């Protein structure tokens, strides 16, 4: 019976986590706030808990692009500006290498299981509160670049 309990379970991530309200529910989000963790993201996982996800943190607002290299589970991605306002929401397909753009300046991205954004009633324009982050790089710790200001183009993400 013990072996059956272990089947399908993912190894514990070494990333720090935060609790964050997204729409009408609270989520446990792993925090990817450096190049290595952002590049790896949710790759090579067979599943993710119902109210779990990943929060990607960047140093400044910029156009972001994500892809699904080696990512086995379908995901919703929410792109947020430096103040936590939802800029766009997209659904991404497993293993799809097509870049998924933020459609605007974004500083944060949240990946959730596909369909969850609609389920918890979060939409473009909604303001989400970014919680205090483990390495102190949340909204108050670095000024966000104003839309249209010079900055590195996207291509970050995964």
C-alpha atoms as a PDB file:
ATOM      1  CA  UNK A   1       0.000   0.000   0.000  1.00  0.00           C
ATOM      2  CA  UNK A   2       2.903   2.338   0.686  1.00  0.00           C
ATOM      3  CA  UNK A   3       4.188   1.911  -2.874  1.00  0.00           C
ATOM      4  CA  UNK A   4       0.771   2.843  -4.263  1.00  0.00           C
ATOM      5  CA  UNK A   5       0.785   6.066  -2.291  1.00  0.00           C
ATOM      6  CA  UNK A   6       4.081   7.082  -3.895  1.00  0.00           C
ATOM      7  CA  UNK A   7       2.957   6.479  -7.481  1.00  0.00           C
ATOM      8  CA  UNK A   8       2.313   9.726  -9.312  1.00  0.00           C
ATOM      9  CA  UNK A   9       3.686  11.916  -6.542  1.00  0.00           C
ATOM     10  CA  UNK A  10       6.198  14.519  -7.546  1.00  0.00           C
ATOM     11  CA  UNK A  11       9.468  14.970  -5.698  1.00  0.00           C
ATOM     12  CA  UNK A  12       9.369  17.949  -3.376  1.00  0.00           C
ATOM     13  CA  UNK A  13      10.713  21.060  -5.036  1.00  0.00           C
ATOM     14  CA  UNK A  14      13.575  22.864  -3.373  1.00  0.00           C
ATOM     15  CA  UNK A  15      12.018  26.203  -4.307  1.00  0.00           C
ATOM     16  CA  UNK A  16      10.471  28.400  -1.613  1.00  0.00           C
ATOM     17  CA  UNK A  17       6.695  28.756  -1.650  1.00  0.00           C
ATOM     18  CA  UNK A  18       4.211  31.525  -0.916  1.00  0.00           C
ATOM     19  CA  UNK A  19       0.469  31.534  -0.332  1.00  0.00           C
ATOM     20  CA  UNK A  20      -1.364  33.783  -2.775  1.00  0.00           C
ATOM     21  CA  UNK A  21      -4.991  34.619  -3.465  1.00  0.00           C
ATOM     22  CA  UNK A  22      -5.810  34.140  -7.150  1.00  0.00           C
ATOM     23  CA  UNK A  23      -9.402  34.885  -8.032  1.00  0.00           C
ATOM     24  CA  UNK A  24     -11.653  33.333  -5.421  1.00  0.00           C
ATOM     25  CA  UNK A  25      -9.180  30.762  -4.049  1.00  0.00           C
ATOM     26  CA  UNK A  26      -5.811  30.583  -2.299  1.00  0.00           C
ATOM     27  CA  UNK A  27      -2.858  28.827  -3.947  1.00  0.00           C
ATOM     28  CA  UNK A  28       0.521  27.529  -2.855  1.00  0.00           C
ATOM     29  CA  UNK A  29       2.983  28.839  -5.439  1.00  0.00           C
ATOM     30  CA  UNK A  30       6.592  27.824  -5.841  1.00  0.00           C
ATOM     31  CA  UNK A  31       8.712  30.941  -6.404  1.00  0.00           C
ATOM     32  CA  UNK A  32      11.026  30.950  -9.437  1.00  0.00           C
ATOM     33  CA  UNK A  33      13.038  34.152  -9.055  1.00  0.00           C
ATOM     34  CA  UNK A  34      16.413  33.416 -10.608  1.00  0.00           C
ATOM     35  CA  UNK A  35      17.515  32.384 -14.095  1.00  0.00           C
ATOM     36  CA  UNK A  36      17.924  28.688 -13.258  1.00  0.00           C
ATOM     37  CA  UNK A  37      14.532  28.253 -11.568  1.00  0.00           C
ATOM     38  CA  UNK A  38      12.737  30.314 -14.225  1.00  0.00           C
ATOM     39  CA  UNK A  39      14.328  28.253 -17.003  1.00  0.00           C
ATOM     40  CA  UNK A  40      13.362  24.935 -15.397  1.00  0.00           C
ATOM     41  CA  UNK A  41       9.897  26.019 -14.328  1.00  0.00           C
ATOM     42  CA  UNK A  42       7.493  23.077 -14.213  1.00  0.00           C
ATOM     43  CA  UNK A  43       9.450  20.874 -16.632  1.00  0.00           C
ATOM     44  CA  UNK A  44       9.414  17.104 -16.257  1.00  0.00           C
ATOM     45  CA  UNK A  45       6.472  16.917 -13.844  1.00  0.00           C
ATOM     46  CA  UNK A  46       3.618  14.517 -14.438  1.00  0.00           C
ATOM     47  CA  UNK A  47       1.097  16.394 -12.305  1.00  0.00           C
ATOM     48  CA  UNK A  48       0.563  19.348 -10.012  1.00  0.00           C
ATOM     49  CA  UNK A  49      -1.739  19.712  -7.027  1.00  0.00           C
ATOM     50  CA  UNK A  50      -5.161  21.283  -7.580  1.00  0.00           C
ATOM     51  CA  UNK A  51      -4.343  24.557  -5.812  1.00  0.00           C
ATOM     52  CA  UNK A  52      -0.636  24.666  -6.565  1.00  0.00           C
ATOM     53  CA  UNK A  53       1.361  26.517  -9.187  1.00  0.00           C
ATOM     54  CA  UNK A  54       4.489  28.527  -9.858  1.00  0.00           C
ATOM     55  CA  UNK A  55       5.122  32.260  -9.544  1.00  0.00           C
ATOM     56  CA  UNK A  56       7.831  33.565 -11.884  1.00  0.00           C
ATOM     57  CA  UNK A  57       9.441  36.797 -10.689  1.00  0.00           C
ATOM     58  CA  UNK A  58      11.456  39.114 -12.939  1.00  0.00           C
ATOM     59  CA  UNK A  59      13.510  42.191 -12.016  1.00  0.00           C
ATOM     60  CA  UNK A  60      11.405  44.609 -14.059  1.00  0.00           C
ATOM     61  CA  UNK A  61       8.412  44.845 -16.338  1.00  0.00           C
ATOM     62  CA  UNK A  62       9.136  43.637 -19.852  1.00  0.00           C
ATOM     63  CA  UNK A  63       7.460  41.706 -22.645  1.00  0.00           C
ATOM     64  CA  UNK A  64       7.631  38.046 -21.599  1.00  0.00           C
ATOM     65  CA  UNK A  65       7.473  34.866 -23.661  1.00  0.00           C
ATOM     66  CA  UNK A  66       7.044  31.369 -22.248  1.00  0.00           C
ATOM     67  CA  UNK A  67       7.080  27.967 -23.900  1.00  0.00           C
ATOM     68  CA  UNK A  68       6.371  24.421 -22.782  1.00  0.00           C
ATOM     69  CA  UNK A  69       9.658  22.644 -23.459  1.00  0.00           C
ATOM     70  CA  UNK A  70       9.668  19.352 -21.517  1.00  0.00           C
ATOM     71  CA  UNK A  71       6.495  20.415 -19.688  1.00  0.00           C
ATOM     72  CA  UNK A  72       4.102  17.491 -19.539  1.00  0.00           C
ATOM     73  CA  UNK A  73       0.971  19.086 -18.085  1.00  0.00           C
ATOM     74  CA  UNK A  74      -1.338  21.668 -19.706  1.00  0.00           C
ATOM     75  CA  UNK A  75      -1.152  25.023 -17.953  1.00  0.00           C
ATOM     76  CA  UNK A  76      -2.859  28.378 -17.676  1.00  0.00           C
ATOM     77  CA  UNK A  77      -0.418  31.272 -17.511  1.00  0.00           C
ATOM     78  CA  UNK A  78      -1.346  34.626 -16.029  1.00  0.00           C
ATOM     79  CA  UNK A  79       0.940  37.541 -16.866  1.00  0.00           C
ATOM     80  CA  UNK A  80       0.927  40.360 -14.284  1.00  0.00           C
ATOM     81  CA  UNK A  81       2.421  43.836 -14.357  1.00  0.00           C
ATOM     82  CA  UNK A  82       4.605  45.221 -11.556  1.00  0.00           C
ATOM     83  CA  UNK A  83       1.560  46.136  -9.483  1.00  0.00           C
ATOM     84  CA  UNK A  84      -0.078  42.709  -9.792  1.00  0.00           C
ATOM     85  CA  UNK A  85      -2.663  43.640 -12.445  1.00  0.00           C
ATOM     86  CA  UNK A  86      -3.444  40.744 -14.814  1.00  0.00           C
ATOM     87  CA  UNK A  87      -2.212  41.743 -18.292  1.00  0.00           C
ATOM     88  CA  UNK A  88      -3.211  38.536 -20.087  1.00  0.00           C
ATOM     89  CA  UNK A  89      -4.189  34.918 -19.509  1.00  0.00           C
ATOM     90  CA  UNK A  90      -3.297  32.105 -21.889  1.00  0.00           C
ATOM     91  CA  UNK A  91      -3.557  28.309 -21.930  1.00  0.00           C
ATOM     92  CA  UNK A  92      -0.440  26.374 -22.906  1.00  0.00           C
ATOM     93  CA  UNK A  93      -0.252  22.842 -24.320  1.00  0.00           C
ATOM     94  CA  UNK A  94       2.242  20.203 -23.142  1.00  0.00           C
ATOM     95  CA  UNK A  95       5.571  20.148 -25.035  1.00  0.00           C
ATOM     96  CA  UNK A  96       4.548  23.071 -27.303  1.00  0.00           C
ATOM     97  CA  UNK A  97       7.640  25.078 -28.261  1.00  0.00           C
ATOM     98  CA  UNK A  98       5.598  27.974 -29.679  1.00  0.00           C
ATOM     99  CA  UNK A  99       6.354  31.151 -27.679  1.00  0.00           C
ATOM    100  CA  UNK A 100       3.383  32.378 -25.632  1.00  0.00           C
ATOM    101  CA  UNK A 101       3.663  36.187 -25.290  1.00  0.00           C
ATOM    102  CA  UNK A 102       2.470  38.333 -22.413  1.00  0.00           C
ATOM    103  CA  UNK A 103       0.742  40.780 -24.808  1.00  0.00           C
ATOM    104  CA  UNK A 104       2.043  43.654 -22.695  1.00  0.00           C
ATOM    105  CA  UNK A 105       4.597  44.618 -20.087  1.00  0.00           C
ATOM    106  CA  UNK A 106       4.771  42.034 -17.303  1.00  0.00           C
ATOM    107  CA  UNK A 107       6.932  41.474 -14.235  1.00  0.00           C
ATOM    108  CA  UNK A 108       5.292  38.304 -12.906  1.00  0.00           C
ATOM    109  CA  UNK A 109       3.835  35.153 -14.413  1.00  0.00           C
ATOM    110  CA  UNK A 110       1.768  32.539 -12.615  1.00  0.00           C
ATOM    111  CA  UNK A 111       1.378  29.025 -13.997  1.00  0.00           C
ATOM    112  CA  UNK A 112      -1.629  27.005 -12.821  1.00  0.00           C
ATOM    113  CA  UNK A 113      -3.244  23.804 -14.056  1.00  0.00           C
ATOM    114  CA  UNK A 114      -5.133  24.408 -17.308  1.00  0.00           C
ATOM    115  CA  UNK A 115      -8.699  25.599 -16.761  1.00  0.00           C
ATOM    116  CA  UNK A 116      -8.099  26.834 -13.217  1.00  0.00           C
ATOM    117  CA  UNK A 117      -8.009  30.547 -14.119  1.00  0.00           C
ATOM    118  CA  UNK A 118     -11.593  30.344 -15.357  1.00  0.00           C
ATOM    119  CA  UNK A 119     -12.591  28.091 -12.450  1.00  0.00           C
ATOM    120  CA  UNK A 120     -11.438  30.628  -9.823  1.00  0.00           C
ATOM    121  CA  UNK A 121     -12.902  33.540 -11.797  1.00  0.00           C
ATOM    122  CA  UNK A 122      -9.750  35.548 -12.429  1.00  0.00           C
ATOM    123  CA  UNK A 123      -9.643  37.764 -15.507  1.00  0.00           C
ATOM    124  CA  UNK A 124      -7.614  40.325 -17.416  1.00  0.00           C
ATOM    125  CA  UNK A 125      -7.568  43.619 -15.534  1.00  0.00           C
ATOM    126  CA  UNK A 126      -8.004  42.005 -12.101  1.00  0.00           C
ATOM    127  CA  UNK A 127      -5.561  43.193  -9.427  1.00  0.00           C
ATOM    128  CA  UNK A 128      -3.826  40.409  -7.493  1.00  0.00           C
ATOM    129  CA  UNK A 129      -1.778  41.025  -4.360  1.00  0.00           C
ATOM    130  CA  UNK A 130       1.780  39.748  -4.715  1.00  0.00           C
ATOM    131  CA  UNK A 131       2.772  38.417  -1.274  1.00  0.00           C
ATOM    132  CA  UNK A 132       6.127  39.164   0.358  1.00  0.00           C
ATOM    133  CA  UNK A 133       8.641  37.072  -1.538  1.00  0.00           C
ATOM    134  CA  UNK A 134      11.426  34.937  -0.059  1.00  0.00           C
ATOM    135  CA  UNK A 135      14.329  36.871  -1.561  1.00  0.00           C
ATOM    136  CA  UNK A 136      12.786  40.308  -1.102  1.00  0.00           C
ATOM    137  CA  UNK A 137      12.165  40.911  -4.802  1.00  0.00           C
ATOM    138  CA  UNK A 138       8.449  41.635  -4.691  1.00  0.00           C
ATOM    139  CA  UNK A 139       6.627  44.703  -5.993  1.00  0.00           C
ATOM    140  CA  UNK A 140       7.965  47.081  -3.339  1.00  0.00           C
ATOM    141  CA  UNK A 141      11.600  46.031  -3.639  1.00  0.00           C
ATOM    142  CA  UNK A 142      12.314  47.146  -7.200  1.00  0.00           C
ATOM    143  CA  UNK A 143      10.665  49.885  -9.232  1.00  0.00           C
ATOM    144  CA  UNK A 144       8.611  48.620 -12.116  1.00  0.00           C
ATOM    145  CA  UNK A 145       9.421  49.970 -15.533  1.00  0.00           C
ATOM    146  CA  UNK A 146       6.607  52.129 -16.844  1.00  0.00           C
ATOM    147  CA  UNK A 147       4.975  50.866 -20.035  1.00  0.00           C
ATOM    148  CA  UNK A 148       6.821  52.178 -23.038  1.00  0.00           C
ATOM    149  CA  UNK A 149      10.011  52.845 -21.082  1.00  0.00           C
ATOM    150  CA  UNK A 150      13.272  51.442 -22.421  1.00  0.00           C
ATOM    151  CA  UNK A 151      14.004  47.922 -21.256  1.00  0.00           C
ATOM    152  CA  UNK A 152      15.235  44.592 -22.442  1.00  0.00           C
ATOM    153  CA  UNK A 153      12.786  42.848 -24.741  1.00  0.00           C
ATOM    154  CA  UNK A 154      11.243  39.527 -23.708  1.00  0.00           C
ATOM    155  CA  UNK A 155      12.583  36.175 -24.563  1.00  0.00           C
ATOM    156  CA  UNK A 156      12.977  35.443 -20.901  1.00  0.00           C
ATOM    157  CA  UNK A 157      10.573  33.042 -19.402  1.00  0.00           C
ATOM    158  CA  UNK A 158      11.352  29.490 -20.231  1.00  0.00           C
END
